[in-house]
N, C-alpha and C. Protein backbone atom coordinates (compact mmCIF):
# COMPACT_ATOMS: atom_id res chain seq x y z
N UNK A 1 119.46 -151.55 242.40
CA UNK A 1 119.02 -150.38 241.65
C UNK A 1 117.70 -149.87 242.20
N UNK A 2 117.63 -148.55 242.41
CA UNK A 2 116.38 -147.92 242.82
C UNK A 2 115.74 -147.25 241.61
N UNK A 3 114.42 -147.18 241.65
CA UNK A 3 113.67 -146.49 240.60
C UNK A 3 112.91 -145.33 241.23
N UNK A 4 113.11 -144.15 240.67
CA UNK A 4 112.39 -142.96 241.10
C UNK A 4 111.39 -142.61 240.01
N UNK A 5 110.12 -142.67 240.33
CA UNK A 5 109.07 -142.44 239.34
C UNK A 5 108.81 -140.94 239.17
N UNK A 6 109.13 -140.43 238.00
CA UNK A 6 108.89 -139.02 237.71
C UNK A 6 107.45 -138.82 237.27
N UNK A 7 106.73 -137.98 238.01
CA UNK A 7 105.31 -137.79 237.70
C UNK A 7 105.09 -136.79 236.57
N UNK A 8 106.16 -136.39 235.89
CA UNK A 8 106.02 -135.48 234.76
C UNK A 8 105.15 -136.08 233.65
N UNK A 9 105.23 -137.39 233.48
CA UNK A 9 104.44 -138.06 232.45
C UNK A 9 103.18 -138.71 233.02
N UNK A 10 102.87 -138.44 234.28
CA UNK A 10 101.70 -139.04 234.92
C UNK A 10 100.45 -138.23 234.61
N UNK A 11 99.33 -138.67 235.16
CA UNK A 11 98.08 -137.93 235.06
C UNK A 11 98.16 -136.75 236.02
N UNK A 12 98.37 -135.56 235.49
CA UNK A 12 98.59 -134.40 236.34
C UNK A 12 97.32 -133.98 237.09
N UNK A 13 96.20 -134.50 236.68
CA UNK A 13 94.96 -134.23 237.41
C UNK A 13 94.80 -135.15 238.62
N UNK A 14 95.68 -136.13 238.73
CA UNK A 14 95.60 -137.08 239.84
C UNK A 14 97.01 -137.49 240.26
N UNK A 15 97.76 -136.52 240.78
CA UNK A 15 99.14 -136.81 241.16
C UNK A 15 99.22 -137.84 242.28
N UNK A 16 98.29 -137.78 243.21
CA UNK A 16 98.28 -138.76 244.30
C UNK A 16 98.04 -140.16 243.76
N UNK A 17 97.02 -140.32 242.95
CA UNK A 17 96.73 -141.64 242.39
C UNK A 17 97.84 -142.14 241.50
N UNK A 18 98.43 -141.24 240.72
CA UNK A 18 99.53 -141.63 239.83
C UNK A 18 100.76 -142.05 240.63
N UNK A 19 101.01 -141.34 241.73
CA UNK A 19 102.14 -141.71 242.59
C UNK A 19 101.90 -143.06 243.24
N UNK A 20 100.71 -143.25 243.75
CA UNK A 20 100.36 -144.54 244.37
C UNK A 20 100.53 -145.69 243.38
N UNK A 21 100.10 -145.46 242.16
CA UNK A 21 100.21 -146.50 241.13
C UNK A 21 101.66 -146.92 240.93
N UNK A 22 102.55 -145.93 240.85
CA UNK A 22 103.97 -146.23 240.64
C UNK A 22 104.56 -146.94 241.85
N UNK A 23 104.20 -146.51 243.04
CA UNK A 23 104.72 -147.13 244.26
C UNK A 23 104.25 -148.58 244.37
N UNK A 24 103.00 -148.83 244.07
CA UNK A 24 102.49 -150.20 244.11
C UNK A 24 103.13 -151.08 243.06
N UNK A 25 103.59 -150.44 241.97
CA UNK A 25 104.25 -151.19 240.89
C UNK A 25 105.73 -151.43 241.19
N UNK A 26 106.24 -150.85 242.30
CA UNK A 26 107.62 -151.14 242.69
C UNK A 26 108.57 -149.98 242.74
N UNK A 27 108.11 -148.77 242.45
CA UNK A 27 109.00 -147.60 242.53
C UNK A 27 109.42 -147.35 243.97
N UNK A 28 110.63 -146.83 244.13
CA UNK A 28 111.19 -146.57 245.46
C UNK A 28 110.98 -145.14 245.91
N UNK A 29 110.94 -144.21 244.97
CA UNK A 29 110.81 -142.79 245.27
C UNK A 29 109.84 -142.15 244.27
N UNK A 30 109.37 -140.96 244.63
CA UNK A 30 108.60 -140.14 243.71
C UNK A 30 109.45 -138.92 243.35
N UNK A 31 109.61 -138.70 242.06
CA UNK A 31 110.49 -137.65 241.54
C UNK A 31 109.65 -136.48 241.07
N UNK A 32 109.98 -135.29 241.56
CA UNK A 32 109.25 -134.07 241.21
C UNK A 32 110.13 -133.19 240.33
N UNK A 33 109.69 -132.97 239.10
CA UNK A 33 110.43 -132.10 238.18
C UNK A 33 109.91 -130.67 238.34
N UNK A 34 110.73 -129.83 238.93
CA UNK A 34 110.35 -128.45 239.22
C UNK A 34 110.97 -127.54 238.16
N UNK A 35 110.11 -126.94 237.33
CA UNK A 35 110.57 -126.12 236.20
C UNK A 35 109.95 -124.74 236.28
N UNK A 36 110.77 -123.73 235.94
CA UNK A 36 110.32 -122.35 236.12
C UNK A 36 110.02 -121.60 234.83
N UNK A 37 110.13 -122.27 233.67
CA UNK A 37 109.87 -121.60 232.41
C UNK A 37 110.99 -120.65 231.98
N UNK A 38 112.08 -120.65 232.74
CA UNK A 38 113.21 -119.76 232.43
C UNK A 38 114.50 -120.57 232.27
N UNK A 39 114.84 -121.34 233.30
CA UNK A 39 116.01 -122.21 233.19
C UNK A 39 115.77 -123.30 232.15
N UNK A 40 114.53 -123.77 232.07
CA UNK A 40 114.10 -124.72 231.04
C UNK A 40 112.80 -124.20 230.43
N UNK A 41 112.48 -124.60 229.20
CA UNK A 41 111.30 -124.05 228.52
C UNK A 41 110.00 -124.78 228.87
N UNK A 42 109.69 -124.83 230.15
CA UNK A 42 108.45 -125.48 230.58
C UNK A 42 108.15 -125.00 232.00
N UNK A 43 106.89 -125.08 232.39
CA UNK A 43 106.46 -124.76 233.74
C UNK A 43 105.79 -125.98 234.34
N UNK A 44 106.09 -126.28 235.60
CA UNK A 44 105.39 -127.40 236.23
C UNK A 44 104.71 -126.92 237.51
N UNK A 45 105.29 -127.18 238.66
CA UNK A 45 104.62 -126.85 239.91
C UNK A 45 105.66 -126.48 240.97
N UNK A 46 105.15 -125.94 242.09
CA UNK A 46 106.04 -125.48 243.13
C UNK A 46 105.91 -126.25 244.42
N UNK A 47 106.46 -125.68 245.48
CA UNK A 47 106.51 -126.35 246.77
C UNK A 47 105.13 -126.66 247.36
N UNK A 48 104.09 -125.84 247.16
CA UNK A 48 102.78 -126.20 247.72
C UNK A 48 102.23 -127.52 247.17
N UNK A 49 102.51 -127.80 245.90
CA UNK A 49 102.08 -129.09 245.34
C UNK A 49 102.87 -130.23 245.98
N UNK A 50 104.15 -130.04 246.16
CA UNK A 50 104.98 -131.05 246.83
C UNK A 50 104.47 -131.31 248.24
N UNK A 51 104.12 -130.24 248.96
CA UNK A 51 103.63 -130.38 250.33
C UNK A 51 102.30 -131.12 250.38
N UNK A 52 101.42 -130.83 249.43
CA UNK A 52 100.12 -131.51 249.38
C UNK A 52 100.29 -132.99 249.09
N UNK A 53 101.22 -133.32 248.20
CA UNK A 53 101.45 -134.72 247.88
C UNK A 53 102.09 -135.44 249.06
N UNK A 54 103.02 -134.77 249.74
CA UNK A 54 103.66 -135.38 250.90
C UNK A 54 102.65 -135.64 252.01
N UNK A 55 101.68 -134.78 252.15
CA UNK A 55 100.64 -134.98 253.18
C UNK A 55 99.87 -136.26 252.93
N UNK A 56 99.66 -136.59 251.67
CA UNK A 56 98.93 -137.81 251.33
C UNK A 56 99.83 -139.04 251.35
N UNK A 57 101.14 -138.82 251.20
CA UNK A 57 102.10 -139.93 251.15
C UNK A 57 103.23 -139.67 252.16
N UNK A 58 102.92 -139.61 253.44
CA UNK A 58 103.90 -139.16 254.43
C UNK A 58 105.13 -140.04 254.57
N UNK A 59 105.03 -141.32 254.26
CA UNK A 59 106.16 -142.23 254.44
C UNK A 59 107.00 -142.41 253.18
N UNK A 60 106.61 -141.76 252.10
CA UNK A 60 107.26 -141.98 250.81
C UNK A 60 108.36 -140.94 250.59
N UNK A 61 109.59 -141.36 250.31
CA UNK A 61 110.63 -140.38 250.00
C UNK A 61 110.38 -139.73 248.65
N UNK A 62 110.48 -138.41 248.61
CA UNK A 62 110.31 -137.66 247.37
C UNK A 62 111.61 -136.93 247.07
N UNK A 63 111.95 -136.87 245.79
CA UNK A 63 113.12 -136.10 245.41
C UNK A 63 112.70 -135.00 244.45
N UNK A 64 113.09 -133.78 244.79
CA UNK A 64 112.77 -132.60 243.99
C UNK A 64 113.97 -132.23 243.14
N UNK A 65 113.74 -132.17 241.84
CA UNK A 65 114.79 -131.80 240.89
C UNK A 65 114.50 -130.37 240.43
N UNK A 66 115.28 -129.43 240.94
CA UNK A 66 115.03 -128.01 240.70
C UNK A 66 115.69 -127.56 239.40
N UNK A 67 114.90 -127.49 238.37
CA UNK A 67 115.36 -126.96 237.08
C UNK A 67 114.92 -125.50 237.01
N UNK A 68 115.55 -124.68 237.85
CA UNK A 68 115.15 -123.29 238.01
C UNK A 68 116.38 -122.40 238.06
N UNK A 69 116.17 -121.14 237.71
CA UNK A 69 117.28 -120.19 237.61
C UNK A 69 117.84 -119.80 238.96
N UNK A 70 116.99 -119.74 239.99
CA UNK A 70 117.42 -119.26 241.30
C UNK A 70 117.15 -120.32 242.37
N UNK A 71 117.90 -121.42 242.36
CA UNK A 71 117.64 -122.48 243.33
C UNK A 71 117.85 -122.06 244.77
N UNK A 72 118.75 -121.12 245.02
CA UNK A 72 119.00 -120.69 246.39
C UNK A 72 117.78 -120.05 247.01
N UNK A 73 116.92 -119.47 246.19
CA UNK A 73 115.72 -118.81 246.69
C UNK A 73 114.64 -119.80 247.10
N UNK A 74 114.59 -120.96 246.43
CA UNK A 74 113.45 -121.86 246.61
C UNK A 74 113.79 -123.22 247.21
N UNK A 75 115.04 -123.60 247.26
CA UNK A 75 115.40 -124.97 247.66
C UNK A 75 114.85 -125.34 249.03
N UNK A 76 114.98 -124.44 249.99
CA UNK A 76 114.54 -124.78 251.35
C UNK A 76 113.03 -124.92 251.45
N UNK A 77 112.29 -124.28 250.53
CA UNK A 77 110.84 -124.47 250.51
C UNK A 77 110.48 -125.93 250.24
N UNK A 78 111.29 -126.59 249.42
CA UNK A 78 111.01 -127.99 249.10
C UNK A 78 111.42 -128.92 250.24
N UNK A 79 112.45 -128.54 250.98
CA UNK A 79 112.77 -129.31 252.19
C UNK A 79 111.62 -129.19 253.18
N UNK A 80 111.13 -127.97 253.39
CA UNK A 80 110.01 -127.75 254.30
C UNK A 80 108.75 -128.46 253.83
N UNK A 81 108.60 -128.62 252.53
CA UNK A 81 107.43 -129.30 251.97
C UNK A 81 107.48 -130.80 252.16
N UNK A 82 108.64 -131.31 252.61
CA UNK A 82 108.76 -132.73 252.89
C UNK A 82 109.58 -133.54 251.92
N UNK A 83 110.25 -132.87 250.98
CA UNK A 83 111.10 -133.60 250.04
C UNK A 83 112.37 -134.08 250.75
N UNK A 84 112.63 -135.36 250.65
CA UNK A 84 113.81 -135.93 251.28
C UNK A 84 115.08 -135.47 250.57
N UNK A 85 115.03 -135.48 249.26
CA UNK A 85 116.18 -135.13 248.43
C UNK A 85 115.85 -133.87 247.64
N UNK A 86 116.81 -132.96 247.55
CA UNK A 86 116.63 -131.73 246.76
C UNK A 86 117.90 -131.52 245.95
N UNK A 87 117.75 -131.54 244.62
CA UNK A 87 118.89 -131.35 243.73
C UNK A 87 118.70 -130.08 242.91
N UNK A 88 119.76 -129.32 242.76
CA UNK A 88 119.75 -128.12 241.92
C UNK A 88 120.84 -128.28 240.87
N UNK A 89 120.78 -127.44 239.85
CA UNK A 89 121.71 -127.59 238.73
C UNK A 89 123.00 -126.82 238.95
N UNK A 90 124.09 -127.48 238.62
CA UNK A 90 125.41 -126.83 238.68
C UNK A 90 125.44 -125.62 237.75
N UNK A 91 124.73 -125.70 236.62
CA UNK A 91 124.73 -124.60 235.65
C UNK A 91 124.04 -123.35 236.20
N UNK A 92 123.14 -123.54 237.17
CA UNK A 92 122.38 -122.42 237.73
C UNK A 92 123.08 -121.77 238.91
N UNK A 93 124.01 -122.48 239.53
CA UNK A 93 124.65 -121.97 240.74
C UNK A 93 126.11 -122.42 240.77
N UNK A 94 127.00 -121.66 240.14
CA UNK A 94 128.40 -122.07 240.05
C UNK A 94 129.08 -122.30 241.39
N UNK A 95 128.73 -121.50 242.41
CA UNK A 95 129.32 -121.68 243.73
C UNK A 95 128.25 -122.26 244.64
N UNK A 96 128.28 -123.58 244.82
CA UNK A 96 127.16 -124.29 245.42
C UNK A 96 127.32 -124.61 246.90
N UNK A 97 128.47 -124.32 247.49
CA UNK A 97 128.77 -124.80 248.84
C UNK A 97 127.75 -124.31 249.87
N UNK A 98 127.38 -123.04 249.80
CA UNK A 98 126.47 -122.49 250.81
C UNK A 98 125.09 -123.14 250.73
N UNK A 99 124.56 -123.30 249.52
CA UNK A 99 123.24 -123.91 249.39
C UNK A 99 123.25 -125.36 249.83
N UNK A 100 124.30 -126.09 249.53
CA UNK A 100 124.41 -127.48 249.98
C UNK A 100 124.32 -127.54 251.50
N UNK A 101 125.05 -126.67 252.17
CA UNK A 101 125.04 -126.70 253.63
C UNK A 101 123.68 -126.29 254.18
N UNK A 102 123.00 -125.38 253.53
CA UNK A 102 121.68 -124.94 253.99
C UNK A 102 120.65 -126.05 253.84
N UNK A 103 120.70 -126.76 252.73
CA UNK A 103 119.77 -127.88 252.52
C UNK A 103 119.97 -128.93 253.60
N UNK A 104 121.23 -129.26 253.89
CA UNK A 104 121.49 -130.27 254.91
C UNK A 104 121.08 -129.78 256.30
N UNK A 105 121.36 -128.53 256.61
CA UNK A 105 121.01 -127.98 257.92
C UNK A 105 119.49 -127.97 258.13
N UNK A 106 118.74 -127.83 257.03
CA UNK A 106 117.28 -127.82 257.11
C UNK A 106 116.68 -129.22 257.21
N UNK A 107 117.53 -130.24 257.08
CA UNK A 107 117.05 -131.61 257.19
C UNK A 107 116.92 -132.35 255.88
N UNK A 108 117.35 -131.72 254.78
CA UNK A 108 117.26 -132.37 253.48
C UNK A 108 118.57 -133.03 253.09
N UNK A 109 118.51 -133.81 252.04
CA UNK A 109 119.69 -134.46 251.48
C UNK A 109 120.03 -133.78 250.16
N UNK A 110 121.14 -133.04 250.11
CA UNK A 110 121.44 -132.23 248.93
C UNK A 110 122.00 -133.03 247.76
N UNK A 111 121.63 -132.58 246.57
CA UNK A 111 122.15 -133.19 245.36
C UNK A 111 122.45 -132.12 244.33
N UNK A 112 123.29 -132.47 243.35
CA UNK A 112 123.59 -131.57 242.23
C UNK A 112 123.34 -132.29 240.93
N UNK A 113 122.77 -131.55 239.99
CA UNK A 113 122.46 -132.10 238.66
C UNK A 113 123.32 -131.42 237.61
N UNK A 114 123.59 -132.15 236.53
CA UNK A 114 124.31 -131.58 235.39
C UNK A 114 123.61 -131.96 234.10
N UNK A 115 123.57 -131.00 233.19
CA UNK A 115 123.00 -131.23 231.86
C UNK A 115 123.93 -132.10 231.02
N UNK A 116 123.42 -132.64 229.91
CA UNK A 116 124.24 -133.55 229.11
C UNK A 116 125.56 -132.98 228.63
N UNK A 117 125.59 -131.68 228.33
CA UNK A 117 126.83 -131.10 227.80
C UNK A 117 127.72 -130.49 228.86
N UNK A 118 127.39 -130.70 230.14
CA UNK A 118 128.23 -130.20 231.24
C UNK A 118 129.14 -131.31 231.74
N UNK A 119 130.42 -131.00 231.90
CA UNK A 119 131.38 -132.00 232.36
C UNK A 119 131.09 -132.44 233.79
N UNK A 120 131.34 -133.71 234.04
CA UNK A 120 131.19 -134.24 235.40
C UNK A 120 132.19 -133.63 236.37
N UNK A 121 133.21 -132.99 235.85
CA UNK A 121 134.24 -132.41 236.71
C UNK A 121 133.69 -131.31 237.62
N UNK A 122 132.61 -130.65 237.22
CA UNK A 122 132.06 -129.57 238.04
C UNK A 122 131.48 -130.11 239.35
N UNK A 123 131.18 -131.40 239.40
CA UNK A 123 130.62 -132.01 240.60
C UNK A 123 131.69 -132.33 241.65
N UNK A 124 132.90 -132.52 241.20
CA UNK A 124 133.93 -133.07 242.08
C UNK A 124 134.26 -132.20 243.30
N UNK A 125 134.32 -130.88 243.17
CA UNK A 125 134.64 -130.07 244.35
C UNK A 125 133.61 -130.18 245.47
N UNK A 126 132.39 -130.61 245.13
CA UNK A 126 131.30 -130.67 246.12
C UNK A 126 130.91 -132.08 246.50
N UNK A 127 131.51 -133.07 245.87
CA UNK A 127 131.03 -134.45 245.99
C UNK A 127 131.00 -134.95 247.43
N UNK A 128 131.98 -134.56 248.23
CA UNK A 128 132.02 -135.04 249.61
C UNK A 128 130.91 -134.48 250.49
N UNK A 129 130.28 -133.41 250.03
CA UNK A 129 129.21 -132.79 250.81
C UNK A 129 127.82 -133.12 250.26
N UNK A 130 127.77 -133.90 249.20
CA UNK A 130 126.50 -134.25 248.56
C UNK A 130 126.05 -135.65 248.95
N UNK A 131 124.74 -135.86 248.92
CA UNK A 131 124.19 -137.21 249.09
C UNK A 131 124.03 -137.92 247.75
N UNK A 132 123.86 -137.13 246.69
CA UNK A 132 123.69 -137.74 245.37
C UNK A 132 123.97 -136.73 244.27
N UNK A 133 124.21 -137.26 243.08
CA UNK A 133 124.34 -136.43 241.89
C UNK A 133 123.33 -136.94 240.87
N UNK A 134 122.94 -136.06 239.97
CA UNK A 134 121.92 -136.40 238.97
C UNK A 134 122.44 -136.04 237.59
N UNK A 135 122.61 -137.04 236.75
CA UNK A 135 123.07 -136.85 235.38
C UNK A 135 121.86 -136.79 234.46
N UNK A 136 121.67 -135.67 233.78
CA UNK A 136 120.61 -135.58 232.79
C UNK A 136 121.06 -136.25 231.49
N UNK A 137 120.20 -137.12 230.99
CA UNK A 137 120.50 -137.82 229.73
C UNK A 137 119.57 -137.36 228.61
N UNK A 138 118.91 -136.22 228.83
CA UNK A 138 118.23 -135.43 227.81
C UNK A 138 118.43 -133.97 228.20
N UNK A 139 118.17 -133.07 227.29
CA UNK A 139 118.14 -131.66 227.66
C UNK A 139 116.84 -131.42 228.40
N UNK A 140 116.90 -130.95 229.64
CA UNK A 140 115.72 -130.95 230.49
C UNK A 140 114.61 -130.03 230.01
N UNK A 141 113.37 -130.44 230.33
CA UNK A 141 112.22 -129.61 229.99
C UNK A 141 110.95 -130.39 229.74
N UNK A 142 111.08 -131.57 229.10
CA UNK A 142 109.88 -132.31 228.73
C UNK A 142 110.12 -133.82 228.87
N UNK A 143 109.04 -134.53 229.21
CA UNK A 143 109.11 -135.99 229.30
C UNK A 143 109.05 -136.60 227.90
N UNK A 144 109.57 -137.81 227.79
CA UNK A 144 109.45 -138.57 226.55
C UNK A 144 110.53 -138.30 225.52
N UNK A 145 111.60 -137.59 225.90
CA UNK A 145 112.67 -137.31 224.95
C UNK A 145 113.56 -138.54 224.74
N UNK A 146 114.32 -138.49 223.65
CA UNK A 146 115.21 -139.59 223.31
C UNK A 146 116.46 -139.56 224.18
N UNK A 147 116.82 -140.69 224.71
CA UNK A 147 118.01 -140.86 225.55
C UNK A 147 119.27 -140.51 224.77
N UNK A 148 120.19 -139.80 225.43
CA UNK A 148 121.46 -139.39 224.82
C UNK A 148 122.57 -140.32 225.33
N UNK A 149 123.02 -141.28 224.53
CA UNK A 149 123.98 -142.29 225.00
C UNK A 149 125.33 -141.73 225.38
N UNK A 150 125.66 -140.52 224.95
CA UNK A 150 126.97 -139.96 225.30
C UNK A 150 127.09 -139.67 226.78
N UNK A 151 125.98 -139.73 227.51
CA UNK A 151 126.03 -139.52 228.95
C UNK A 151 126.61 -140.74 229.67
N UNK A 152 126.52 -141.91 229.06
CA UNK A 152 126.98 -143.14 229.71
C UNK A 152 128.47 -143.08 230.06
N UNK A 153 129.37 -142.73 229.12
CA UNK A 153 130.79 -142.66 229.50
C UNK A 153 131.07 -141.57 230.53
N UNK A 154 130.30 -140.50 230.51
CA UNK A 154 130.48 -139.45 231.52
C UNK A 154 130.16 -140.00 232.90
N UNK A 155 129.07 -140.74 233.00
CA UNK A 155 128.71 -141.38 234.27
C UNK A 155 129.78 -142.37 234.70
N UNK A 156 130.29 -143.14 233.76
CA UNK A 156 131.31 -144.14 234.08
C UNK A 156 132.58 -143.49 234.61
N UNK A 157 132.96 -142.37 234.02
CA UNK A 157 134.17 -141.66 234.49
C UNK A 157 133.96 -141.15 235.92
N UNK A 158 132.78 -140.60 236.18
CA UNK A 158 132.52 -140.09 237.52
C UNK A 158 132.46 -141.22 238.54
N UNK A 159 131.87 -142.33 238.16
CA UNK A 159 131.82 -143.49 239.05
C UNK A 159 133.23 -143.96 239.40
N UNK A 160 134.09 -144.05 238.40
CA UNK A 160 135.47 -144.48 238.64
C UNK A 160 136.18 -143.51 239.57
N UNK A 161 135.94 -142.21 239.38
CA UNK A 161 136.55 -141.21 240.25
C UNK A 161 136.04 -141.36 241.69
N UNK A 162 134.73 -141.57 241.85
CA UNK A 162 134.17 -141.75 243.20
C UNK A 162 134.79 -142.95 243.90
N UNK A 163 134.94 -144.03 243.19
CA UNK A 163 135.51 -145.24 243.78
C UNK A 163 136.97 -145.00 244.16
N UNK A 164 137.70 -144.29 243.32
CA UNK A 164 139.10 -144.00 243.63
C UNK A 164 139.22 -143.09 244.86
N UNK A 165 138.21 -142.23 245.07
CA UNK A 165 138.21 -141.31 246.20
C UNK A 165 137.55 -141.89 247.44
N UNK A 166 137.00 -143.09 247.33
CA UNK A 166 136.32 -143.72 248.45
C UNK A 166 134.97 -143.10 248.77
N UNK A 167 134.29 -142.55 247.77
CA UNK A 167 132.99 -141.91 247.96
C UNK A 167 131.87 -142.85 247.55
N UNK A 168 130.78 -142.81 248.31
CA UNK A 168 129.68 -143.74 248.04
C UNK A 168 128.36 -143.02 247.78
N UNK A 169 128.41 -141.78 247.32
CA UNK A 169 127.18 -141.05 247.06
C UNK A 169 126.38 -141.69 245.92
N UNK A 170 125.06 -141.50 245.97
CA UNK A 170 124.18 -142.08 244.95
C UNK A 170 124.39 -141.35 243.62
N UNK A 171 124.21 -142.12 242.53
CA UNK A 171 124.35 -141.55 241.19
C UNK A 171 123.06 -141.85 240.41
N UNK A 172 122.29 -140.80 240.15
CA UNK A 172 121.01 -140.94 239.47
C UNK A 172 121.14 -140.49 238.02
N UNK A 173 120.28 -141.04 237.17
CA UNK A 173 120.23 -140.65 235.76
C UNK A 173 118.77 -140.37 235.42
N UNK A 174 118.55 -139.30 234.68
CA UNK A 174 117.19 -138.84 234.39
C UNK A 174 117.10 -138.39 232.94
N UNK A 175 116.16 -138.97 232.20
CA UNK A 175 115.91 -138.53 230.83
C UNK A 175 115.98 -139.65 229.82
N UNK A 176 114.83 -140.07 229.34
CA UNK A 176 114.82 -141.14 228.34
C UNK A 176 115.24 -142.49 228.88
N UNK A 177 115.24 -142.65 230.20
CA UNK A 177 115.65 -143.92 230.81
C UNK A 177 114.58 -144.97 230.53
N UNK A 178 115.02 -146.15 230.10
CA UNK A 178 114.10 -147.23 229.76
C UNK A 178 114.80 -148.57 229.98
N UNK A 179 114.04 -149.67 229.91
CA UNK A 179 114.68 -150.99 230.03
C UNK A 179 115.76 -151.23 228.96
N UNK A 180 115.66 -150.52 227.84
CA UNK A 180 116.63 -150.73 226.75
C UNK A 180 118.01 -150.16 227.10
N UNK A 181 118.08 -149.11 227.89
CA UNK A 181 119.39 -148.53 228.22
C UNK A 181 119.77 -148.71 229.69
N UNK A 182 118.89 -149.31 230.48
CA UNK A 182 119.16 -149.46 231.91
C UNK A 182 120.40 -150.29 232.19
N UNK A 183 120.64 -151.31 231.39
CA UNK A 183 121.82 -152.15 231.60
C UNK A 183 123.11 -151.37 231.44
N UNK A 184 123.18 -150.53 230.40
CA UNK A 184 124.37 -149.70 230.18
C UNK A 184 124.56 -148.72 231.33
N UNK A 185 123.46 -148.17 231.83
CA UNK A 185 123.56 -147.22 232.94
C UNK A 185 124.01 -147.91 234.22
N UNK A 186 123.50 -149.09 234.45
CA UNK A 186 123.91 -149.85 235.64
C UNK A 186 125.40 -150.18 235.56
N UNK A 187 125.86 -150.59 234.39
CA UNK A 187 127.27 -150.92 234.22
C UNK A 187 128.16 -149.70 234.42
N UNK A 188 127.62 -148.52 234.10
CA UNK A 188 128.39 -147.28 234.26
C UNK A 188 128.35 -146.75 235.68
N UNK A 189 127.54 -147.37 236.55
CA UNK A 189 127.55 -147.00 237.94
C UNK A 189 126.32 -146.32 238.48
N UNK A 190 125.24 -146.26 237.70
CA UNK A 190 124.01 -145.65 238.19
C UNK A 190 123.45 -146.47 239.36
N UNK A 191 122.94 -145.78 240.37
CA UNK A 191 122.30 -146.44 241.50
C UNK A 191 120.82 -146.09 241.61
N UNK A 192 120.41 -145.02 240.92
CA UNK A 192 119.00 -144.62 240.86
C UNK A 192 118.67 -144.30 239.41
N UNK A 193 117.59 -144.88 238.91
CA UNK A 193 117.10 -144.56 237.57
C UNK A 193 115.79 -143.79 237.72
N UNK A 194 115.79 -142.58 237.17
CA UNK A 194 114.57 -141.78 237.17
C UNK A 194 113.82 -142.08 235.88
N UNK A 195 112.60 -142.55 236.01
CA UNK A 195 111.83 -142.96 234.84
C UNK A 195 110.49 -142.26 234.83
N UNK A 196 110.08 -141.83 233.67
CA UNK A 196 108.80 -141.13 233.53
C UNK A 196 107.96 -141.80 232.46
N UNK A 197 108.17 -141.43 231.20
CA UNK A 197 107.36 -141.98 230.12
C UNK A 197 107.50 -143.49 230.01
N UNK A 198 108.71 -144.01 230.28
CA UNK A 198 108.92 -145.45 230.09
C UNK A 198 108.14 -146.30 231.08
N UNK A 199 107.69 -145.73 232.18
CA UNK A 199 106.85 -146.50 233.10
C UNK A 199 105.40 -146.05 233.04
N UNK A 200 105.15 -144.74 232.95
CA UNK A 200 103.76 -144.28 232.95
C UNK A 200 103.05 -144.56 231.64
N UNK A 201 103.79 -144.74 230.58
CA UNK A 201 103.18 -145.05 229.28
C UNK A 201 103.37 -146.51 228.89
N UNK A 202 103.92 -147.29 229.81
CA UNK A 202 104.11 -148.72 229.55
C UNK A 202 102.79 -149.47 229.70
N UNK A 203 102.57 -150.51 228.91
CA UNK A 203 101.34 -151.30 229.07
C UNK A 203 101.28 -152.01 230.41
N UNK A 204 102.45 -152.32 230.99
CA UNK A 204 102.52 -152.98 232.29
C UNK A 204 103.58 -152.24 233.11
N UNK A 205 103.13 -151.33 233.96
CA UNK A 205 104.07 -150.51 234.72
C UNK A 205 104.96 -151.35 235.62
N UNK A 206 104.39 -152.34 236.29
CA UNK A 206 105.17 -153.17 237.20
C UNK A 206 106.27 -153.91 236.46
N UNK A 207 105.96 -154.42 235.27
CA UNK A 207 106.98 -155.12 234.48
C UNK A 207 108.08 -154.16 234.04
N UNK A 208 107.71 -152.95 233.67
CA UNK A 208 108.71 -151.96 233.25
C UNK A 208 109.64 -151.61 234.42
N UNK A 209 109.07 -151.44 235.61
CA UNK A 209 109.90 -151.12 236.77
C UNK A 209 110.78 -152.29 237.15
N UNK A 210 110.26 -153.50 237.07
CA UNK A 210 111.09 -154.67 237.35
C UNK A 210 112.29 -154.75 236.39
N UNK A 211 112.05 -154.42 235.12
CA UNK A 211 113.13 -154.45 234.14
C UNK A 211 114.22 -153.44 234.50
N UNK A 212 113.80 -152.26 234.98
CA UNK A 212 114.77 -151.24 235.36
C UNK A 212 115.56 -151.69 236.60
N UNK A 213 114.86 -152.23 237.58
CA UNK A 213 115.51 -152.59 238.84
C UNK A 213 116.43 -153.79 238.71
N UNK A 214 116.19 -154.60 237.72
CA UNK A 214 117.02 -155.80 237.53
C UNK A 214 118.18 -155.57 236.59
N UNK A 215 118.34 -154.33 236.12
CA UNK A 215 119.43 -154.03 235.18
C UNK A 215 120.79 -154.30 235.83
N UNK A 216 121.67 -154.94 235.09
CA UNK A 216 123.03 -155.18 235.58
C UNK A 216 123.97 -155.34 234.41
């Protein structure tokens, strides 16, 4: 199990220090929640912030989660900024094939995200061209929300379909992820757990990350 530390719940005045803290505690990736105030009711930051952070952490893989209305306009900016993984929402771009190919051609690893009430079936036509999928287990917009357990069977169904199709793409889960639900997510086939409040607000970040990584 990999852990991607979402800096949404970190000290936003010290993104570099907050990222370093998570990496030293055992996180594998740094997760950037990109929100435009339109697709979701919150604003965060854009590609220049990602580029500045990558400059300070050149060897660290970063994944950008684009919760924005027009991902085709901005996705390549995040690849250029140094993000290894770039995921956009299926709800924002019904016909995703062209953007997936553009992200890959630019050197990025494309991913698709789905909200809790979106069927996993929308991912299937693109699965062979993706590096990963991202299942939201809260309605996106803010850190610290309550985990929605109904996402677990959706993940399990998609995992079973991937195995039947011989696909090995990564399956990430984001939203309310904690040591309390990590075991269920691992059993359902998650390979990456995106954690924010559960690690940045934990009394012992390293212990919280170890609990997530050891989930089975």
